[in-house]
Amino acid sequence: MNERREEAAAGLARIEGYLMSQAALREAREHGEAFARALTWLGAGEREEISRRFAEHHLDLHKKTLAATVFRAAELKAEYAHRYARLRRRVIGLALAAFGLGSLVLVLVTRP
């Protein structure tokens, strides 16, 4: 049952990735076309070339931004995992110290 959930989650992640890439591609093309349309002195072939190059540049920038975001997310995950482990050790240490101190006080108080 757990394997099916993981498989379904992986499938959904692939679909989401595909949809996101198609949206980025559509956005890049739209921006490229809008940019080229503003250059009214260009011929049709030149506008298509400018539009295509702008879209490629836009996609390249999008990929670099996404890669930087993924890298930073991995850095933050590692940093917070390290902080959490340190905090957990401190809390366990304090709990053990409190338990030990409480036990010592109880022994001293109940001593005849």
Protein backbone atom coordinates (compact mmCIF):
# COMPACT_ATOMS: atom_id res chain seq x y z
CA MET A 1 0.00 0.00 0.00
CA ASN A 2 2.82 2.40 0.89
CA GLU A 3 4.59 1.55 -2.38
CA ARG A 4 1.49 2.57 -4.34
CA ARG A 5 1.35 5.90 -2.54
CA GLU A 6 5.00 6.56 -3.32
CA GLU A 7 4.45 5.59 -6.95
CA ALA A 8 1.39 7.83 -7.17
CA ALA A 9 3.28 10.72 -5.56
CA ALA A 10 6.17 10.27 -8.01
CA GLY A 11 3.72 10.22 -10.91
CA LEU A 12 2.03 13.37 -9.69
CA ALA A 13 5.40 15.06 -9.27
CA ARG A 14 6.30 14.18 -12.88
CA ILE A 15 2.99 15.54 -14.12
CA GLU A 16 3.44 18.70 -12.07
CA GLY A 17 6.95 19.13 -13.45
CA TYR A 18 5.70 18.69 -17.00
CA LEU A 19 2.89 21.19 -16.50
CA MET A 20 5.28 23.70 -14.93
CA SER A 21 7.75 23.34 -17.80
CA GLN A 22 4.97 23.81 -20.36
CA ALA A 23 3.76 26.92 -18.52
CA ALA A 24 7.32 28.31 -18.47
CA LEU A 25 7.70 27.57 -22.18
CA ARG A 26 4.38 29.26 -22.98
CA GLU A 27 5.33 32.27 -20.85
CA ALA A 28 8.73 32.56 -22.55
CA ARG A 29 7.14 32.44 -25.99
CA GLU A 30 4.54 35.03 -25.03
CA HIS A 31 7.20 37.38 -23.65
CA GLY A 32 9.35 36.87 -26.74
CA GLU A 33 6.46 37.60 -29.07
CA ALA A 34 5.47 40.70 -27.09
CA PHE A 35 9.06 41.96 -27.16
CA ALA A 36 9.40 41.35 -30.90
CA ARG A 37 6.03 42.98 -31.63
CA ALA A 38 7.29 46.19 -30.03
CA LEU A 39 10.11 46.34 -32.59
CA THR A 40 7.86 47.50 -35.42
CA TRP A 41 10.68 48.30 -37.84
CA LEU A 42 11.69 44.62 -38.10
CA GLY A 43 10.50 42.36 -40.88
CA ALA A 44 8.43 39.24 -40.14
CA GLY A 45 11.44 36.90 -40.28
CA GLU A 46 13.48 39.15 -38.06
CA ARG A 47 10.64 39.40 -35.55
CA GLU A 48 10.39 35.61 -35.43
CA GLU A 49 14.14 35.33 -34.84
CA ILE A 50 14.10 37.98 -32.10
CA SER A 51 11.05 36.34 -30.53
CA ARG A 52 12.72 32.92 -30.56
CA ARG A 53 15.99 34.22 -29.12
CA PHE A 54 14.19 36.20 -26.42
CA ALA A 55 12.19 33.09 -25.47
CA GLU A 56 15.38 31.01 -25.29
CA HIS A 57 17.02 33.63 -23.09
CA HIS A 58 13.93 33.80 -20.89
CA LEU A 59 13.86 29.99 -20.49
CA ASP A 60 17.58 29.90 -19.73
CA LEU A 61 17.12 32.53 -17.04
CA HIS A 62 14.14 30.61 -15.64
CA LYS A 63 16.20 27.39 -15.48
CA LYS A 64 19.08 29.13 -13.73
CA THR A 65 16.74 30.73 -11.21
CA LEU A 66 15.04 27.41 -10.54
CA ALA A 67 18.38 25.64 -10.12
CA ALA A 68 19.55 28.32 -7.67
CA THR A 69 16.30 27.97 -5.72
CA VAL A 70 16.66 24.18 -5.54
CA PHE A 71 20.28 24.53 -4.43
CA ARG A 72 19.34 27.04 -1.73
CA ALA A 73 16.49 24.83 -0.54
CA ALA A 74 18.95 21.94 -0.14
CA GLU A 75 21.32 24.21 1.79
CA LEU A 76 18.54 25.34 4.10
CA LYS A 77 17.32 21.78 4.60
CA ALA A 78 20.81 20.68 5.67
CA GLU A 79 21.24 23.71 7.91
CA TYR A 80 17.92 23.24 9.66
CA ALA A 81 18.47 19.48 10.02
CA HIS A 82 21.77 20.26 11.75
CA ARG A 83 20.11 22.85 14.01
CA TYR A 84 17.29 20.47 14.86
CA ALA A 85 19.73 17.69 15.78
CA ARG A 86 21.67 20.10 18.01
CA LEU A 87 18.49 21.33 19.67
CA ARG A 88 17.28 17.76 20.20
CA ARG A 89 20.59 16.84 21.89
CA ARG A 90 20.31 19.90 24.16
CA VAL A 91 16.72 19.13 25.14
CA ILE A 92 17.53 15.49 25.86
CA GLY A 93 20.58 16.55 27.86
CA LEU A 94 18.54 19.04 29.88
CA ALA A 95 15.80 16.47 30.45
CA LEU A 96 18.34 13.93 31.69
CA ALA A 97 19.99 16.53 33.92
CA ALA A 98 16.60 17.55 35.33
CA PHE A 99 15.67 13.92 35.93
CA GLY A 100 19.01 13.26 37.61
CA LEU A 101 18.70 16.37 39.76
CA GLY A 102 15.12 15.47 40.66
CA SER A 103 16.19 11.96 41.60
CA LEU A 104 19.02 13.32 43.76
CA VAL A 105 16.66 15.72 45.53
CA LEU A 106 14.17 12.91 46.10
CA VAL A 107 16.91 10.66 47.55
CA LEU A 108 18.16 13.45 49.82
CA VAL A 109 14.65 14.39 50.99
CA THR A 110 13.55 10.82 51.75
CA ARG A 111 16.76 9.93 53.60
CA PRO A 112 16.29 9.41 57.32
